[in-house]
């Protein structure tokens, strides 16, 4: 169990890279929202899942962009939501 803890926390000496959870930030921009997801470049499912949840909840996606830098992928989604619309990203 101690070895597994070191693997998951990314401590040196294990020979394995740490498991990184995606970081999701939602910013309010008046009539719209900006969702910023920072993840591993291999975690495309996080971006796809966010798009799916946003569309299912009736928000209009204005743009969706991504960029990659070495070991990080940055996904930015701009969307419009109606005044009465309330949604939560859950996945």
PDB file of N, CA and C in Angstrom:
ATOM      1  N   UNK A   1       0.827  -1.195   0.000  1.00  0.00           N
ATOM      2  CA  UNK A   1       0.000   0.000   0.000  1.00  0.00           C
ATOM      3  C   UNK A   1       0.868   1.254   0.000  1.00  0.00           C
ATOM      4  N   UNK A   2       1.995   1.221   0.691  1.00  0.00           N
ATOM      5  CA  UNK A   2       2.882   2.380   0.687  1.00  0.00           C
ATOM      6  C   UNK A   2       3.432   2.632  -0.712  1.00  0.00           C
ATOM      7  N   UNK A   3       3.776   1.563  -1.428  1.00  0.00           N
ATOM      8  CA  UNK A   3       4.278   1.706  -2.789  1.00  0.00           C
ATOM      9  C   UNK A   3       3.208   2.318  -3.696  1.00  0.00           C
ATOM     10  N   UNK A   4       1.984   1.856  -3.565  1.00  0.00           N
ATOM     11  CA  UNK A   4       0.894   2.391  -4.373  1.00  0.00           C
ATOM     12  C   UNK A   4       0.666   3.865  -4.052  1.00  0.00           C
ATOM     13  N   UNK A   5       0.756   4.227  -2.778  1.00  0.00           N
ATOM     14  CA  UNK A   5       0.600   5.626  -2.379  1.00  0.00           C
ATOM     15  C   UNK A   5       1.682   6.486  -3.037  1.00  0.00           C
ATOM     16  N   UNK A   6       2.924   5.997  -3.051  1.00  0.00           N
ATOM     17  CA  UNK A   6       4.017   6.744  -3.688  1.00  0.00           C
ATOM     18  C   UNK A   6       3.771   6.888  -5.183  1.00  0.00           C
ATOM     19  N   UNK A   7       3.244   5.836  -5.816  1.00  0.00           N
ATOM     20  CA  UNK A   7       2.959   5.896  -7.252  1.00  0.00           C
ATOM     21  C   UNK A   7       1.902   6.953  -7.551  1.00  0.00           C
ATOM     22  N   UNK A   8       0.851   6.965  -6.766  1.00  0.00           N
ATOM     23  CA  UNK A   8      -0.232   7.912  -7.006  1.00  0.00           C
ATOM     24  C   UNK A   8       0.138   9.337  -6.669  1.00  0.00           C
ATOM     25  N   UNK A   9       0.985   9.517  -5.679  1.00  0.00           N
ATOM     26  CA  UNK A   9       1.371  10.868  -5.294  1.00  0.00           C
ATOM     27  C   UNK A   9       2.523  11.402  -6.132  1.00  0.00           C
ATOM     28  N   UNK A  10       3.173  10.522  -6.934  1.00  0.00           N
ATOM     29  CA  UNK A  10       4.234  10.964  -7.810  1.00  0.00           C
ATOM     30  C   UNK A  10       5.568  11.146  -7.125  1.00  0.00           C
ATOM     31  N   UNK A  11       5.747  10.532  -5.981  1.00  0.00           N
ATOM     32  CA  UNK A  11       7.018  10.657  -5.284  1.00  0.00           C
ATOM     33  C   UNK A  11       8.119  10.006  -6.103  1.00  0.00           C
ATOM     34  N   UNK A  12       9.317  10.536  -5.997  1.00  0.00           N
ATOM     35  CA  UNK A  12      10.468  10.035  -6.747  1.00  0.00           C
ATOM     36  C   UNK A  12      10.821   8.621  -6.317  1.00  0.00           C
ATOM     37  N   UNK A  13      11.459   7.926  -7.231  1.00  0.00           N
ATOM     38  CA  UNK A  13      11.940   6.587  -6.905  1.00  0.00           C
ATOM     39  C   UNK A  13      10.987   5.475  -7.286  1.00  0.00           C
ATOM     40  N   UNK A  14       9.828   5.793  -7.790  1.00  0.00           N
ATOM     41  CA  UNK A  14       8.885   4.746  -8.157  1.00  0.00           C
ATOM     42  C   UNK A  14       9.048   4.331  -9.609  1.00  0.00           C
ATOM     43  N   UNK A  15       9.630   5.215 -10.434  1.00  0.00           N
ATOM     44  CA  UNK A  15       9.802   4.899 -11.838  1.00  0.00           C
ATOM     45  C   UNK A  15       8.536   5.099 -12.652  1.00  0.00           C
ATOM     46  N   UNK A  16       7.479   5.549 -12.047  1.00  0.00           N
ATOM     47  CA  UNK A  16       6.224   5.796 -12.758  1.00  0.00           C
ATOM     48  C   UNK A  16       5.817   7.244 -12.582  1.00  0.00           C
ATOM     49  N   UNK A  17       5.142   7.761 -13.591  1.00  0.00           N
ATOM     50  CA  UNK A  17       4.670   9.146 -13.476  1.00  0.00           C
ATOM     51  C   UNK A  17       3.385   9.197 -12.650  1.00  0.00           C
ATOM     52  N   UNK A  18       3.153  10.327 -12.072  1.00  0.00           N
ATOM     53  CA  UNK A  18       1.977  10.495 -11.220  1.00  0.00           C
ATOM     54  C   UNK A  18       0.711  10.562 -12.065  1.00  0.00           C
ATOM     55  N   UNK A  19      -0.379  10.137 -11.493  1.00  0.00           N
ATOM     56  CA  UNK A  19      -1.671  10.265 -12.134  1.00  0.00           C
ATOM     57  C   UNK A  19      -2.158  11.680 -11.864  1.00  0.00           C
ATOM     58  N   UNK A  20      -2.456  12.409 -12.930  1.00  0.00           N
ATOM     59  CA  UNK A  20      -2.914  13.786 -12.769  1.00  0.00           C
ATOM     60  C   UNK A  20      -4.385  13.875 -13.109  1.00  0.00           C
ATOM     61  N   UNK A  21      -5.147  14.422 -12.206  1.00  0.00           N
ATOM     62  CA  UNK A  21      -6.554  14.654 -12.469  1.00  0.00           C
ATOM     63  C   UNK A  21      -6.691  15.957 -13.235  1.00  0.00           C
ATOM     64  N   UNK A  22      -7.676  16.047 -14.126  1.00  0.00           N
ATOM     65  CA  UNK A  22      -7.860  17.306 -14.850  1.00  0.00           C
ATOM     66  C   UNK A  22      -8.298  18.417 -13.910  1.00  0.00           C
ATOM     67  N   UNK A  23      -7.882  19.616 -14.239  1.00  0.00           N
ATOM     68  CA  UNK A  23      -8.291  20.807 -13.488  1.00  0.00           C
ATOM     69  C   UNK A  23      -9.341  21.526 -14.328  1.00  0.00           C
ATOM     70  N   UNK A  24     -10.515  21.763 -13.750  1.00  0.00           N
ATOM     71  CA  UNK A  24     -11.613  22.403 -14.474  1.00  0.00           C
ATOM     72  C   UNK A  24     -11.972  23.700 -13.771  1.00  0.00           C
ATOM     73  N   UNK A  25     -12.009  24.776 -14.545  1.00  0.00           N
ATOM     74  CA  UNK A  25     -12.344  26.091 -14.011  1.00  0.00           C
ATOM     75  C   UNK A  25     -13.463  26.685 -14.861  1.00  0.00           C
ATOM     76  N   UNK A  26     -14.519  27.160 -14.211  1.00  0.00           N
ATOM     77  CA  UNK A  26     -15.641  27.787 -14.908  1.00  0.00           C
ATOM     78  C   UNK A  26     -15.663  29.259 -14.523  1.00  0.00           C
ATOM     79  N   UNK A  27     -15.635  30.121 -15.534  1.00  0.00           N
ATOM     80  CA  UNK A  27     -15.626  31.561 -15.301  1.00  0.00           C
ATOM     81  C   UNK A  27     -16.891  32.177 -15.881  1.00  0.00           C
ATOM     82  N   UNK A  28     -17.535  33.039 -15.108  1.00  0.00           N
ATOM     83  CA  UNK A  28     -18.760  33.721 -15.528  1.00  0.00           C
ATOM     84  C   UNK A  28     -18.398  34.973 -16.315  1.00  0.00           C
ATOM     85  N   UNK A  29     -18.973  35.093 -17.513  1.00  0.00           N
ATOM     86  CA  UNK A  29     -18.750  36.275 -18.353  1.00  0.00           C
ATOM     87  C   UNK A  29     -20.081  36.902 -18.748  1.00  0.00           C
ATOM     88  N   UNK A  30     -20.936  37.143 -17.775  1.00  0.00           N
ATOM     89  CA  UNK A  30     -22.237  37.749 -18.050  1.00  0.00           C
ATOM     90  C   UNK A  30     -23.201  36.749 -18.660  1.00  0.00           C
ATOM     91  N   UNK A  31     -23.507  36.915 -19.959  1.00  0.00           N
ATOM     92  CA  UNK A  31     -24.448  36.018 -20.640  1.00  0.00           C
ATOM     93  C   UNK A  31     -23.804  34.689 -21.018  1.00  0.00           C
ATOM     94  N   UNK A  32     -22.525  34.594 -20.844  1.00  0.00           N
ATOM     95  CA  UNK A  32     -21.834  33.370 -21.227  1.00  0.00           C
ATOM     96  C   UNK A  32     -20.881  32.891 -20.156  1.00  0.00           C
ATOM     97  N   UNK A  33     -20.366  31.705 -20.383  1.00  0.00           N
ATOM     98  CA  UNK A  33     -19.389  31.112 -19.481  1.00  0.00           C
ATOM     99  C   UNK A  33     -18.166  30.695 -20.272  1.00  0.00           C
ATOM    100  N   UNK A  34     -17.067  30.631 -19.592  1.00  0.00           N
ATOM    101  CA  UNK A  34     -15.842  30.081 -20.169  1.00  0.00           C
ATOM    102  C   UNK A  34     -15.427  28.912 -19.306  1.00  0.00           C
ATOM    103  N   UNK A  35     -15.237  27.755 -19.913  1.00  0.00           N
ATOM    104  CA  UNK A  35     -14.786  26.562 -19.207  1.00  0.00           C
ATOM    105  C   UNK A  35     -13.361  26.295 -19.657  1.00  0.00           C
ATOM    106  N   UNK A  36     -12.446  26.221 -18.693  1.00  0.00           N
ATOM    107  CA  UNK A  36     -11.045  25.955 -18.985  1.00  0.00           C
ATOM    108  C   UNK A  36     -10.677  24.626 -18.339  1.00  0.00           C
ATOM    109  N   UNK A  37     -10.207  23.694 -19.154  1.00  0.00           N
ATOM    110  CA  UNK A  37      -9.824  22.368 -18.671  1.00  0.00           C
ATOM    111  C   UNK A  37      -8.342  22.179 -18.944  1.00  0.00           C
ATOM    112  N   UNK A  38      -7.582  21.907 -17.899  1.00  0.00           N
ATOM    113  CA  UNK A  38      -6.165  21.584 -18.033  1.00  0.00           C
ATOM    114  C   UNK A  38      -6.001  20.117 -17.689  1.00  0.00           C
ATOM    115  N   UNK A  39      -5.435  19.351 -18.625  1.00  0.00           N
ATOM    116  CA  UNK A  39      -5.318  17.908 -18.413  1.00  0.00           C
ATOM    117  C   UNK A  39      -4.084  17.382 -19.118  1.00  0.00           C
ATOM    118  N   UNK A  40      -3.931  16.092 -19.045  1.00  0.00           N
ATOM    119  CA  UNK A  40      -2.876  15.405 -19.782  1.00  0.00           C
ATOM    120  C   UNK A  40      -3.264  15.373 -21.255  1.00  0.00           C
ATOM    121  N   UNK A  41      -2.311  15.446 -22.175  1.00  0.00           N
ATOM    122  CA  UNK A  41      -2.649  15.369 -23.601  1.00  0.00           C
ATOM    123  C   UNK A  41      -3.356  14.068 -23.978  1.00  0.00           C
ATOM    124  N   UNK A  42      -3.216  13.045 -23.177  1.00  0.00           N
ATOM    125  CA  UNK A  42      -3.854  11.755 -23.451  1.00  0.00           C
ATOM    126  C   UNK A  42      -5.301  11.705 -22.984  1.00  0.00           C
ATOM    127  N   UNK A  43      -5.770  12.692 -22.251  1.00  0.00           N
ATOM    128  CA  UNK A  43      -7.111  12.665 -21.654  1.00  0.00           C
ATOM    129  C   UNK A  43      -8.153  13.402 -22.499  1.00  0.00           C
ATOM    130  N   UNK A  44      -8.285  13.021 -23.761  1.00  0.00           N
ATOM    131  CA  UNK A  44      -9.271  13.662 -24.629  1.00  0.00           C
ATOM    132  C   UNK A  44     -10.689  13.388 -24.170  1.00  0.00           C
ATOM    133  N   UNK A  45     -10.904  12.283 -23.480  1.00  0.00           N
ATOM    134  CA  UNK A  45     -12.253  11.952 -23.022  1.00  0.00           C
ATOM    135  C   UNK A  45     -12.810  13.034 -22.099  1.00  0.00           C
ATOM    136  N   UNK A  46     -11.967  13.732 -21.360  1.00  0.00           N
ATOM    137  CA  UNK A  46     -12.422  14.789 -20.458  1.00  0.00           C
ATOM    138  C   UNK A  46     -13.034  15.930 -21.283  1.00  0.00           C
ATOM    139  N   UNK A  47     -12.360  16.330 -22.342  1.00  0.00           N
ATOM    140  CA  UNK A  47     -12.851  17.377 -23.223  1.00  0.00           C
ATOM    141  C   UNK A  47     -14.158  16.939 -23.888  1.00  0.00           C
ATOM    142  N   UNK A  48     -14.184  15.723 -24.403  1.00  0.00           N
ATOM    143  CA  UNK A  48     -15.388  15.202 -25.060  1.00  0.00           C
ATOM    144  C   UNK A  48     -16.561  15.127 -24.089  1.00  0.00           C
ATOM    145  N   UNK A  49     -16.292  14.682 -22.879  1.00  0.00           N
ATOM    146  CA  UNK A  49     -17.347  14.573 -21.866  1.00  0.00           C
ATOM    147  C   UNK A  49     -17.881  15.958 -21.497  1.00  0.00           C
ATOM    148  N   UNK A  50     -17.017  16.937 -21.373  1.00  0.00           N
ATOM    149  CA  UNK A  50     -17.448  18.300 -21.047  1.00  0.00           C
ATOM    150  C   UNK A  50     -18.351  18.844 -22.159  1.00  0.00           C
ATOM    151  N   UNK A  51     -17.974  18.640 -23.417  1.00  0.00           N
ATOM    152  CA  UNK A  51     -18.788  19.077 -24.555  1.00  0.00           C
ATOM    153  C   UNK A  51     -20.158  18.410 -24.503  1.00  0.00           C
ATOM    154  N   UNK A  52     -20.181  17.104 -24.237  1.00  0.00           N
ATOM    155  CA  UNK A  52     -21.429  16.353 -24.181  1.00  0.00           C
ATOM    156  C   UNK A  52     -22.350  16.898 -23.085  1.00  0.00           C
ATOM    157  N   UNK A  53     -21.800  17.115 -21.895  1.00  0.00           N
ATOM    158  CA  UNK A  53     -22.607  17.609 -20.771  1.00  0.00           C
ATOM    159  C   UNK A  53     -23.147  19.006 -21.060  1.00  0.00           C
ATOM    160  N   UNK A  54     -22.331  19.860 -21.619  1.00  0.00           N
ATOM    161  CA  UNK A  54     -22.755  21.227 -21.941  1.00  0.00           C
ATOM    162  C   UNK A  54     -23.900  21.202 -22.951  1.00  0.00           C
ATOM    163  N   UNK A  55     -23.758  20.410 -24.011  1.00  0.00           N
ATOM    164  CA  UNK A  55     -24.799  20.339 -25.033  1.00  0.00           C
ATOM    165  C   UNK A  55     -26.078  19.707 -24.500  1.00  0.00           C
ATOM    166  N   UNK A  56     -25.961  18.674 -23.667  1.00  0.00           N
ATOM    167  CA  UNK A  56     -27.145  18.035 -23.092  1.00  0.00           C
ATOM    168  C   UNK A  56     -27.942  18.997 -22.213  1.00  0.00           C
ATOM    169  N   UNK A  57     -27.257  19.913 -21.571  1.00  0.00           N
ATOM    170  CA  UNK A  57     -27.924  20.858 -20.684  1.00  0.00           C
ATOM    171  C   UNK A  57     -28.444  22.087 -21.411  1.00  0.00           C
ATOM    172  N   UNK A  58     -28.333  22.103 -22.737  1.00  0.00           N
ATOM    173  CA  UNK A  58     -28.954  23.147 -23.540  1.00  0.00           C
ATOM    174  C   UNK A  58     -28.155  24.413 -23.743  1.00  0.00           C
ATOM    175  N   UNK A  59     -26.912  24.442 -23.344  1.00  0.00           N
ATOM    176  CA  UNK A  59     -26.098  25.636 -23.579  1.00  0.00           C
ATOM    177  C   UNK A  59     -25.607  25.620 -25.030  1.00  0.00           C
ATOM    178  N   UNK A  60     -25.377  26.797 -25.565  1.00  0.00           N
ATOM    179  CA  UNK A  60     -24.880  26.921 -26.935  1.00  0.00           C
ATOM    180  C   UNK A  60     -23.373  27.139 -26.905  1.00  0.00           C
ATOM    181  N   UNK A  61     -22.637  26.231 -27.524  1.00  0.00           N
ATOM    182  CA  UNK A  61     -21.181  26.360 -27.579  1.00  0.00           C
ATOM    183  C   UNK A  61     -20.826  27.330 -28.697  1.00  0.00           C
ATOM    184  N   UNK A  62     -20.124  28.396 -28.334  1.00  0.00           N
ATOM    185  CA  UNK A  62     -19.716  29.414 -29.283  1.00  0.00           C
ATOM    186  C   UNK A  62     -18.391  29.030 -29.920  1.00  0.00           C
ATOM    187  N   UNK A  63     -17.460  28.555 -29.107  1.00  0.00           N
ATOM    188  CA  UNK A  63     -16.165  28.110 -29.621  1.00  0.00           C
ATOM    189  C   UNK A  63     -15.542  27.123 -28.652  1.00  0.00           C
ATOM    190  N   UNK A  64     -14.689  26.294 -29.196  1.00  0.00           N
ATOM    191  CA  UNK A  64     -13.942  25.327 -28.389  1.00  0.00           C
ATOM    192  C   UNK A  64     -12.540  25.232 -28.990  1.00  0.00           C
ATOM    193  N   UNK A  65     -11.537  25.532 -28.196  1.00  0.00           N
ATOM    194  CA  UNK A  65     -10.152  25.538 -28.662  1.00  0.00           C
ATOM    195  C   UNK A  65      -9.287  24.701 -27.740  1.00  0.00           C
ATOM    196  N   UNK A  66      -8.148  24.279 -28.256  1.00  0.00           N
ATOM    197  CA  UNK A  66      -7.188  23.585 -27.405  1.00  0.00           C
ATOM    198  C   UNK A  66      -5.781  23.936 -27.843  1.00  0.00           C
ATOM    199  N   UNK A  67      -4.869  23.785 -26.916  1.00  0.00           N
ATOM    200  CA  UNK A  67      -3.449  23.920 -27.219  1.00  0.00           C
ATOM    201  C   UNK A  67      -2.695  22.937 -26.342  1.00  0.00           C
ATOM    202  N   UNK A  68      -1.535  22.544 -26.799  1.00  0.00           N
ATOM    203  CA  UNK A  68      -0.722  21.578 -26.056  1.00  0.00           C
ATOM    204  C   UNK A  68       0.669  22.139 -25.840  1.00  0.00           C
ATOM    205  N   UNK A  69       1.198  21.856 -24.671  1.00  0.00           N
ATOM    206  CA  UNK A  69       2.561  22.232 -24.330  1.00  0.00           C
ATOM    207  C   UNK A  69       3.153  21.100 -23.520  1.00  0.00           C
ATOM    208  N   UNK A  70       4.090  20.413 -24.053  1.00  0.00           N
ATOM    209  CA  UNK A  70       4.793  19.268 -23.461  1.00  0.00           C
ATOM    210  C   UNK A  70       3.844  18.285 -22.783  1.00  0.00           C
ATOM    211  N   UNK A  71       3.628  18.406 -21.494  1.00  0.00           N
ATOM    212  CA  UNK A  71       2.835  17.404 -20.774  1.00  0.00           C
ATOM    213  C   UNK A  71       1.456  17.912 -20.358  1.00  0.00           C
ATOM    214  N   UNK A  72       0.965  19.011 -20.965  1.00  0.00           N
ATOM    215  CA  UNK A  72      -0.342  19.559 -20.602  1.00  0.00           C
ATOM    216  C   UNK A  72      -1.151  19.897 -21.851  1.00  0.00           C
ATOM    217  N   UNK A  73      -2.446  19.684 -21.738  1.00  0.00           N
ATOM    218  CA  UNK A  73      -3.384  20.120 -22.774  1.00  0.00           C
ATOM    219  C   UNK A  73      -4.313  21.142 -22.133  1.00  0.00           C
ATOM    220  N   UNK A  74      -4.538  22.230 -22.829  1.00  0.00           N
ATOM    221  CA  UNK A  74      -5.411  23.289 -22.339  1.00  0.00           C
ATOM    222  C   UNK A  74      -6.595  23.390 -23.295  1.00  0.00           C
ATOM    223  N   UNK A  75      -7.802  23.145 -22.783  1.00  0.00           N
ATOM    224  CA  UNK A  75      -9.035  23.210 -23.564  1.00  0.00           C
ATOM    225  C   UNK A  75      -9.850  24.387 -23.047  1.00  0.00           C
ATOM    226  N   UNK A  76     -10.299  25.248 -23.956  1.00  0.00           N
ATOM    227  CA  UNK A  76     -11.100  26.409 -23.578  1.00  0.00           C
ATOM    228  C   UNK A  76     -12.407  26.347 -24.364  1.00  0.00           C
ATOM    229  N   UNK A  77     -13.521  26.365 -23.640  1.00  0.00           N
ATOM    230  CA  UNK A  77     -14.844  26.296 -24.251  1.00  0.00           C
ATOM    231  C   UNK A  77     -15.612  27.560 -23.862  1.00  0.00           C
ATOM    232  N   UNK A  78     -16.082  28.301 -24.857  1.00  0.00           N
ATOM    233  CA  UNK A  78     -16.924  29.476 -24.620  1.00  0.00           C
ATOM    234  C   UNK A  78     -18.351  29.083 -24.948  1.00  0.00           C
ATOM    235  N   UNK A  79     -19.291  29.418 -24.052  1.00  0.00           N
ATOM    236  CA  UNK A  79     -20.673  29.049 -24.294  1.00  0.00           C
ATOM    237  C   UNK A  79     -21.627  30.119 -23.808  1.00  0.00           C
ATOM    238  N   UNK A  80     -22.812  30.095 -24.392  1.00  0.00           N
ATOM    239  CA  UNK A  80     -23.895  30.990 -23.990  1.00  0.00           C
ATOM    240  C   UNK A  80     -24.924  30.177 -23.235  1.00  0.00           C
ATOM    241  N   UNK A  81     -25.434  30.739 -22.158  1.00  0.00           N
ATOM    242  CA  UNK A  81     -26.470  30.070 -21.374  1.00  0.00           C
ATOM    243  C   UNK A  81     -27.633  31.027 -21.211  1.00  0.00           C
ATOM    244  N   UNK A  82     -28.842  30.463 -21.165  1.00  0.00           N
ATOM    245  CA  UNK A  82     -30.010  31.313 -20.950  1.00  0.00           C
ATOM    246  C   UNK A  82     -30.044  31.751 -19.488  1.00  0.00           C
ATOM    247  N   UNK A  83     -30.812  32.776 -19.221  1.00  0.00           N
ATOM    248  CA  UNK A  83     -30.893  33.341 -17.874  1.00  0.00           C
ATOM    249  C   UNK A  83     -31.345  32.310 -16.848  1.00  0.00           C
ATOM    250  N   UNK A  84     -32.290  31.443 -17.219  1.00  0.00           N
ATOM    251  CA  UNK A  84     -32.838  30.460 -16.281  1.00  0.00           C
ATOM    252  C   UNK A  84     -32.063  29.153 -16.278  1.00  0.00           C
ATOM    253  N   UNK A  85     -31.086  29.029 -17.140  1.00  0.00           N
ATOM    254  CA  UNK A  85     -30.363  27.759 -17.248  1.00  0.00           C
ATOM    255  C   UNK A  85     -29.378  27.602 -16.080  1.00  0.00           C
ATOM    256  N   UNK A  86     -29.446  26.467 -15.428  1.00  0.00           N
ATOM    257  CA  UNK A  86     -28.503  26.133 -14.366  1.00  0.00           C
ATOM    258  C   UNK A  86     -27.907  24.791 -14.729  1.00  0.00           C
ATOM    259  N   UNK A  87     -26.584  24.685 -14.749  1.00  0.00           N
ATOM    260  CA  UNK A  87     -25.967  23.405 -15.091  1.00  0.00           C
ATOM    261  C   UNK A  87     -24.728  23.177 -14.258  1.00  0.00           C
ATOM    262  N   UNK A  88     -24.370  21.934 -14.181  1.00  0.00           N
ATOM    263  CA  UNK A  88     -23.197  21.530 -13.413  1.00  0.00           C
ATOM    264  C   UNK A  88     -22.417  20.541 -14.255  1.00  0.00           C
ATOM    265  N   UNK A  89     -21.117  20.722 -14.307  1.00  0.00           N
ATOM    266  CA  UNK A  89     -20.275  19.730 -14.985  1.00  0.00           C
ATOM    267  C   UNK A  89     -20.064  18.561 -14.045  1.00  0.00           C
ATOM    268  N   UNK A  90     -20.597  17.428 -14.390  1.00  0.00           N
ATOM    269  CA  UNK A  90     -20.357  16.238 -13.575  1.00  0.00           C
ATOM    270  C   UNK A  90     -19.929  15.099 -14.480  1.00  0.00           C
ATOM    271  N   UNK A  91     -18.828  14.566 -14.181  1.00  0.00           N
ATOM    272  CA  UNK A  91     -18.371  13.388 -14.902  1.00  0.00           C
ATOM    273  C   UNK A  91     -17.434  12.594 -14.109  1.00  0.00           C
TER     274      UNK A  91
END
